[in-house]
Amino acid sequence: MPEASFLDKLHARFATDPAIVTDLIHRATGRRVTRLHRVVRGYDNEVHRADLDPSGVVYARIRRERGGYGGELWAMDQARAHEVPVPELLALETITDERGEREAMVLAAAPGDQLRTALPSLSGDRRRAVMIDLGRLVARLHEIRTPGPWRPGEDVAWPDPTELRRSYVRDRRAEHDQLRAAGLTAEEVDRILAVLEISPDPPGADFVLCHGDLSPEHVFATGTRVSCLIDWGMWHGGSVLDELAYLDSTFEPADFVPLVEGYGRRLDAELRRDIALVTVSQLIGHVAHHVGIGDQVGTERNVAIMRRALARLAGSDGRASGR
């Protein structure tokens, strides 16, 4: 089924009483909610947009299951301290209903316009300027080091990078059948699994704070300056290439070039090859997910991106393709 239908069915399984959400927002803002609209996005949170009296918008995010926002708020605090714009936290509470206790937060709406809708309307020069500024902010974010890869566990210990990489490779290799079901040929799957072994991600050292989900939907801009990076639910300790590969897959090629310029890197053959290696590795899990939920459109989109990355590698020195 399409991703949207999958999310609709997933979110239909959990819903907080609107009165509880309204009360939460009223406590956080001291203002009356005039309209409450549920936003069906993502897997881990129930999200509501609230219009306030006489004006203004805030968002309530409620954990779907037990667990807290501690790590996400830590990442946002780190970013804010390095002058990377993040949403303003208005409240953090524990709510209780028939499903038990769950953590909830209220956030101010991001200032500016979402890049998903803003970019198509910008002139070439203004669009380039916004992407340069985004690259500058991502570089600033990556100045923040994390003690380890991914995220700390309940014992507050970060994963061992060697074991994390071993389990990552094992899990991706286990998705062989989903890659074939996605329409990739046996030869392509062999090349993909060969890339998995030599990809520089997950990294073994030099872990940096990654947003993890910097799509045009999660970046806001005012004029030609990025005003906010929202939705930090996929934050993690990763690598520069990890984040750049995701940005390359998510933004248009013409937008990625000035982004890298703003980051302070040169998009030469070596960087393109490294990004392609990580892209192939990253997309194995994405393809498997979309095959698993029966999302043909999402499957085809990710396979197309993966094939472009494989073609880029085939045009390099050949080492990535196993030759």
Protein backbone atom coordinates (compact mmCIF):
# COMPACT_ATOMS: atom_id res chain seq x y z
CA MET A 1 0.00 0.00 0.00
CA PRO A 2 1.19 3.60 -0.45
CA GLU A 3 3.20 5.07 2.43
CA ALA A 4 0.36 7.48 3.24
CA SER A 5 -2.15 4.63 3.57
CA PHE A 6 0.30 2.66 5.72
CA LEU A 7 0.69 5.66 8.05
CA ASP A 8 -3.08 6.21 8.18
CA LYS A 9 -3.57 2.62 9.35
CA LEU A 10 -0.68 2.83 11.80
CA HIS A 11 -1.90 6.07 13.37
CA ALA A 12 -5.48 4.81 13.54
CA ARG A 13 -4.27 2.40 16.25
CA PHE A 14 -3.47 5.21 18.68
CA ALA A 15 -5.18 8.49 19.40
CA THR A 16 -5.08 10.70 22.48
CA ASP A 17 -8.35 12.28 23.58
CA PRO A 18 -8.43 15.76 21.97
CA ALA A 19 -9.45 17.23 25.34
CA ILE A 20 -6.18 15.98 26.85
CA VAL A 21 -4.21 17.49 23.98
CA THR A 22 -6.08 20.79 24.25
CA ASP A 23 -5.46 20.97 28.00
CA LEU A 24 -1.77 20.22 27.46
CA ILE A 25 -1.47 23.08 24.97
CA HIS A 26 -3.44 25.46 27.17
CA ARG A 27 -1.09 24.80 30.10
CA ALA A 28 1.91 25.38 27.85
CA THR A 29 0.69 28.60 26.25
CA GLY A 30 -2.01 29.99 28.54
CA ARG A 31 -4.17 30.44 25.45
CA ARG A 32 -7.32 28.84 24.07
CA VAL A 33 -7.11 26.36 21.22
CA THR A 34 -9.48 27.35 18.41
CA ARG A 35 -8.68 24.42 16.11
CA LEU A 36 -6.89 21.12 16.59
CA HIS A 37 -5.70 19.17 13.56
CA ARG A 38 -3.92 15.83 13.70
CA VAL A 39 -0.85 15.52 11.46
CA VAL A 40 -0.30 11.94 10.32
CA ARG A 41 3.45 11.70 9.79
CA GLY A 42 6.21 9.41 11.02
CA TYR A 43 6.14 6.28 13.13
CA ASP A 44 6.94 7.18 16.73
CA ASN A 45 4.85 10.23 17.55
CA GLU A 46 1.29 11.43 17.53
CA VAL A 47 1.37 15.03 16.27
CA HIS A 48 -1.29 17.72 16.54
CA ARG A 49 -1.27 21.23 15.08
CA ALA A 50 -3.14 23.77 17.20
CA ASP A 51 -4.39 27.21 16.17
CA LEU A 52 -4.50 29.58 19.13
CA ASP A 53 -6.73 32.50 20.09
CA PRO A 54 -6.28 35.21 18.88
CA SER A 55 -3.48 33.97 16.60
CA GLY A 56 -0.48 31.70 16.48
CA VAL A 57 0.27 28.03 15.94
CA VAL A 58 1.92 25.40 18.11
CA TYR A 59 2.47 21.67 17.77
CA ALA A 60 1.97 18.92 20.33
CA ARG A 61 4.01 15.74 19.92
CA ILE A 62 3.07 12.69 21.99
CA ARG A 63 5.03 9.48 22.17
CA ARG A 64 3.15 6.57 20.63
CA GLU A 65 4.65 4.21 23.17
CA ARG A 66 6.57 4.47 26.43
CA GLY A 67 9.89 6.24 26.22
CA GLY A 68 10.97 9.82 26.42
CA TYR A 69 12.27 12.76 24.45
CA GLY A 70 15.47 13.10 26.46
CA GLY A 71 17.83 12.23 23.62
CA GLU A 72 16.00 14.36 21.09
CA LEU A 73 15.97 17.36 23.42
CA TRP A 74 19.67 16.84 24.13
CA ALA A 75 20.39 16.94 20.39
CA MET A 76 18.29 20.09 19.99
CA ASP A 77 20.05 21.74 22.93
CA GLN A 78 23.44 20.91 21.42
CA ALA A 79 22.37 22.34 18.07
CA ARG A 80 20.96 25.50 19.65
CA ALA A 81 24.17 26.06 21.60
CA HIS A 82 26.03 26.01 18.27
CA GLU A 83 23.62 28.54 16.74
CA VAL A 84 21.73 26.01 14.64
CA PRO A 85 18.07 27.13 14.74
CA VAL A 86 15.67 24.60 16.29
CA PRO A 87 12.01 24.84 17.42
CA GLU A 88 11.26 26.52 20.73
CA LEU A 89 10.20 24.05 23.43
CA LEU A 90 7.17 25.39 25.32
CA ALA A 91 6.41 22.42 27.56
CA LEU A 92 7.46 18.87 28.36
CA GLU A 93 5.00 16.75 30.35
CA THR A 94 3.86 13.22 31.04
CA ILE A 95 0.23 12.62 30.11
CA THR A 96 -1.90 9.74 31.35
CA ASP A 97 -4.91 8.04 29.77
CA GLU A 98 -6.22 4.50 29.31
CA ARG A 99 -3.04 3.65 27.38
CA GLY A 100 -0.85 4.56 30.33
CA GLU A 101 1.77 7.24 30.76
CA ARG A 102 3.48 8.81 27.76
CA GLU A 103 5.73 11.81 27.36
CA ALA A 104 4.48 14.82 25.43
CA MET A 105 6.01 18.09 24.28
CA VAL A 106 4.62 21.35 22.94
CA LEU A 107 6.69 23.25 20.39
CA ALA A 108 6.30 26.67 18.83
CA ALA A 109 5.72 26.63 15.08
CA ALA A 110 8.87 27.13 13.03
CA PRO A 111 9.31 30.66 11.65
CA GLY A 112 9.46 31.11 7.90
CA ASP A 113 8.38 28.87 5.04
CA GLN A 114 8.89 25.16 4.55
CA LEU A 115 11.43 24.51 1.79
CA ARG A 116 9.20 21.87 0.24
CA THR A 117 6.81 24.63 -0.80
CA ALA A 118 9.19 27.61 -0.87
CA LEU A 119 11.96 26.33 -3.15
CA PRO A 120 9.90 26.05 -6.37
CA SER A 121 8.85 29.69 -6.10
CA LEU A 122 12.36 31.11 -5.57
CA SER A 123 14.49 32.61 -8.32
CA GLY A 124 17.68 30.77 -9.19
CA ASP A 125 19.92 33.11 -7.17
CA ARG A 126 17.68 33.07 -4.10
CA ARG A 127 17.29 29.30 -4.25
CA ARG A 128 21.05 28.89 -4.44
CA ALA A 129 21.52 31.26 -1.49
CA VAL A 130 19.12 29.25 0.69
CA MET A 131 20.92 26.01 -0.09
CA ILE A 132 24.32 27.56 0.65
CA ASP A 133 22.97 28.69 4.01
CA LEU A 134 21.62 25.19 4.73
CA GLY A 135 25.03 23.73 3.97
CA ARG A 136 26.62 26.24 6.33
CA LEU A 137 24.28 25.20 9.16
CA VAL A 138 24.82 21.49 8.56
CA ALA A 139 28.58 22.07 8.77
CA ARG A 140 28.06 23.90 12.04
CA LEU A 141 25.94 21.00 13.34
CA HIS A 142 28.72 18.58 12.46
CA GLU A 143 31.17 20.51 14.62
CA ILE A 144 29.35 18.81 17.53
CA ARG A 145 30.95 15.51 18.44
CA THR A 146 29.08 12.62 20.03
CA PRO A 147 30.66 10.05 22.37
CA GLY A 148 29.76 7.20 20.05
CA PRO A 149 27.68 6.08 17.06
CA TRP A 150 23.88 5.98 16.86
CA ARG A 151 22.35 6.67 20.33
CA PRO A 152 23.02 5.66 23.92
CA GLY A 153 20.95 2.82 25.36
CA GLU A 154 18.93 2.78 28.55
CA ASP A 155 22.19 2.28 30.44
CA VAL A 156 23.39 5.60 28.88
CA ALA A 157 26.24 3.73 27.16
CA TRP A 158 26.84 4.39 23.47
CA PRO A 159 27.09 1.35 21.18
CA ASP A 160 30.45 -0.18 20.39
CA PRO A 161 31.17 0.99 16.82
CA THR A 162 32.62 -2.35 15.71
CA GLU A 163 29.64 -4.33 16.96
CA LEU A 164 27.21 -1.74 15.57
CA ARG A 165 28.73 -2.01 12.11
CA ARG A 166 28.74 -5.81 12.30
CA SER A 167 25.04 -5.93 13.19
CA TYR A 168 24.21 -3.30 10.56
CA VAL A 169 25.87 -5.30 7.80
CA ARG A 170 24.20 -8.50 9.04
CA ASP A 171 20.74 -6.87 9.07
CA ARG A 172 21.15 -5.35 5.62
CA ARG A 173 22.37 -8.65 4.17
CA ALA A 174 19.25 -10.29 5.59
CA GLU A 175 17.20 -8.00 3.32
CA HIS A 176 18.51 -9.70 0.17
CA ASP A 177 15.09 -11.11 -0.75
CA GLN A 178 13.39 -7.72 -0.42
CA LEU A 179 15.95 -6.21 -2.81
CA ARG A 180 15.13 -8.88 -5.38
CA ALA A 181 11.40 -8.35 -4.80
CA ALA A 182 11.94 -4.64 -5.52
CA GLY A 183 12.96 -5.51 -9.07
CA LEU A 184 16.73 -5.35 -8.68
CA THR A 185 18.57 -7.99 -10.68
CA ALA A 186 20.73 -10.66 -9.08
CA GLU A 187 23.82 -8.88 -10.42
CA GLU A 188 22.66 -5.56 -8.96
CA VAL A 189 22.01 -7.14 -5.57
CA ASP A 190 25.49 -8.69 -5.60
CA ARG A 191 26.98 -5.26 -6.33
CA ILE A 192 24.88 -3.67 -3.58
CA LEU A 193 26.03 -6.20 -0.98
CA ALA A 194 29.64 -5.72 -2.11
CA VAL A 195 29.23 -1.97 -1.55
CA LEU A 196 27.79 -2.66 1.89
CA GLU A 197 31.08 -4.23 2.95
CA ILE A 198 33.25 -1.24 1.95
CA SER A 199 30.91 1.66 2.68
CA PRO A 200 32.49 4.17 5.11
CA ASP A 201 29.23 4.26 7.04
CA PRO A 202 28.44 3.33 9.79
CA PRO A 203 31.68 4.98 10.88
CA GLY A 204 34.24 3.57 13.25
CA ALA A 205 35.37 6.91 14.67
CA ASP A 206 34.91 10.70 14.46
CA PHE A 207 31.20 10.63 15.29
CA VAL A 208 29.28 13.86 14.70
CA LEU A 209 25.76 14.94 15.58
CA CYS A 210 23.46 14.24 12.64
CA HIS A 211 19.89 15.47 12.27
CA GLY A 212 19.11 12.31 10.31
CA ASP A 213 16.03 13.50 8.43
CA LEU A 214 16.86 16.80 6.72
CA SER A 215 14.30 16.71 3.94
CA PRO A 216 12.80 19.87 2.38
CA GLU A 217 9.82 19.22 4.67
CA HIS A 218 11.94 19.71 7.78
CA VAL A 219 13.83 22.85 6.75
CA PHE A 220 12.29 26.33 7.04
CA ALA A 221 13.63 29.58 5.62
CA THR A 222 12.94 33.28 5.88
CA GLY A 223 14.11 35.04 2.75
CA THR A 224 17.40 33.42 1.81
CA ARG A 225 18.34 32.31 5.35
CA VAL A 226 17.40 29.02 6.97
CA SER A 227 15.26 29.85 10.00
CA CYS A 228 14.63 26.44 11.58
CA LEU A 229 15.41 22.73 11.37
CA ILE A 230 12.48 20.75 12.74
CA ASP A 231 11.68 17.13 13.68
CA TRP A 232 14.79 15.84 15.41
CA GLY A 233 13.37 12.37 16.02
CA MET A 234 16.01 10.71 13.82
CA TRP A 235 19.01 12.42 15.47
CA HIS A 236 22.06 10.23 15.99
CA GLY A 237 25.80 10.09 16.18
CA GLY A 238 26.98 9.42 12.66
CA SER A 239 29.35 10.65 9.99
CA VAL A 240 29.54 13.64 7.69
CA LEU A 241 29.02 11.29 4.74
CA ASP A 242 25.95 9.79 6.43
CA GLU A 243 24.17 13.16 6.47
CA LEU A 244 25.46 14.33 3.09
CA ALA A 245 24.29 11.11 1.42
CA TYR A 246 20.79 11.58 2.85
CA LEU A 247 20.72 15.20 1.67
CA ASP A 248 21.91 14.12 -1.79
CA SER A 249 19.06 11.59 -2.00
CA THR A 250 16.45 14.05 -0.73
CA PHE A 251 17.19 17.33 -2.50
CA GLU A 252 17.36 18.01 -6.22
CA PRO A 253 20.84 17.59 -7.75
CA ALA A 254 20.98 21.29 -8.65
CA ASP A 255 20.25 22.17 -5.01
CA PHE A 256 22.80 19.75 -3.57
CA VAL A 257 25.73 21.45 -5.33
CA PRO A 258 25.36 24.82 -3.52
CA LEU A 259 24.58 22.96 -0.29
CA VAL A 260 28.00 21.26 -0.45
CA GLU A 261 29.56 24.62 -1.29
CA GLY A 262 27.98 26.13 1.82
CA TYR A 263 29.22 23.15 3.82
CA GLY A 264 32.75 24.04 2.80
CA ARG A 265 33.51 20.94 0.74
CA ARG A 266 34.26 20.51 -2.93
CA LEU A 267 32.01 18.10 -4.78
CA ASP A 268 34.85 16.35 -6.55
CA ALA A 269 35.01 12.79 -7.86
CA GLU A 270 36.21 11.37 -4.53
CA LEU A 271 33.38 12.94 -2.52
CA ARG A 272 30.80 11.88 -5.10
CA ARG A 273 32.08 8.32 -4.92
CA ASP A 274 32.02 8.26 -1.12
CA ILE A 275 28.48 9.67 -1.07
CA ALA A 276 27.40 7.05 -3.61
CA LEU A 277 28.83 4.27 -1.43
CA VAL A 278 26.89 5.48 1.60
CA THR A 279 23.72 6.07 -0.44
CA VAL A 280 23.65 2.47 -1.65
CA SER A 281 24.21 1.22 1.89
CA GLN A 282 21.54 3.51 3.39
CA LEU A 283 18.88 2.65 0.85
CA ILE A 284 18.92 -1.10 1.41
CA GLY A 285 16.79 -0.67 4.52
CA HIS A 286 14.57 1.90 2.84
CA VAL A 287 13.85 -0.40 -0.10
CA ALA A 288 13.16 -3.32 2.25
CA HIS A 289 10.72 -1.18 4.26
CA HIS A 290 8.72 -0.08 1.23
CA VAL A 291 8.63 -3.64 -0.13
CA GLY A 292 7.45 -4.83 3.28
CA ILE A 293 4.48 -2.46 3.38
CA GLY A 294 3.64 -2.98 -0.30
CA ASP A 295 4.44 0.62 -1.32
CA GLN A 296 5.27 0.31 -5.01
CA VAL A 297 5.81 4.04 -5.56
CA GLY A 298 8.19 4.33 -2.60
CA THR A 299 9.99 1.17 -3.67
CA GLU A 300 10.51 2.43 -7.23
CA ARG A 301 11.70 5.84 -6.01
CA ASN A 302 14.35 4.34 -3.74
CA VAL A 303 15.45 1.78 -6.32
CA ALA A 304 15.91 4.59 -8.87
CA ILE A 305 18.12 6.53 -6.46
CA MET A 306 20.09 3.38 -5.65
CA ARG A 307 20.65 2.64 -9.34
CA ARG A 308 21.91 6.18 -9.94
CA ALA A 309 24.40 5.70 -7.12
CA LEU A 310 25.50 2.35 -8.56
CA ALA A 311 25.98 3.96 -11.96
CA ARG A 312 28.11 6.68 -10.36
CA LEU A 313 30.26 4.00 -8.74
CA ALA A 314 30.58 2.09 -12.00
CA GLY A 315 31.97 5.25 -13.55
CA SER A 316 34.62 5.64 -10.87
CA ASP A 317 37.61 3.34 -10.35
CA GLY A 318 35.54 0.15 -10.22
CA ARG A 319 36.56 -0.87 -6.72
CA ALA A 320 33.01 -0.37 -5.37
CA SER A 321 31.48 -2.73 -7.88
CA GLY A 322 33.71 -5.59 -6.83
CA ARG A 323 35.93 -5.52 -9.92
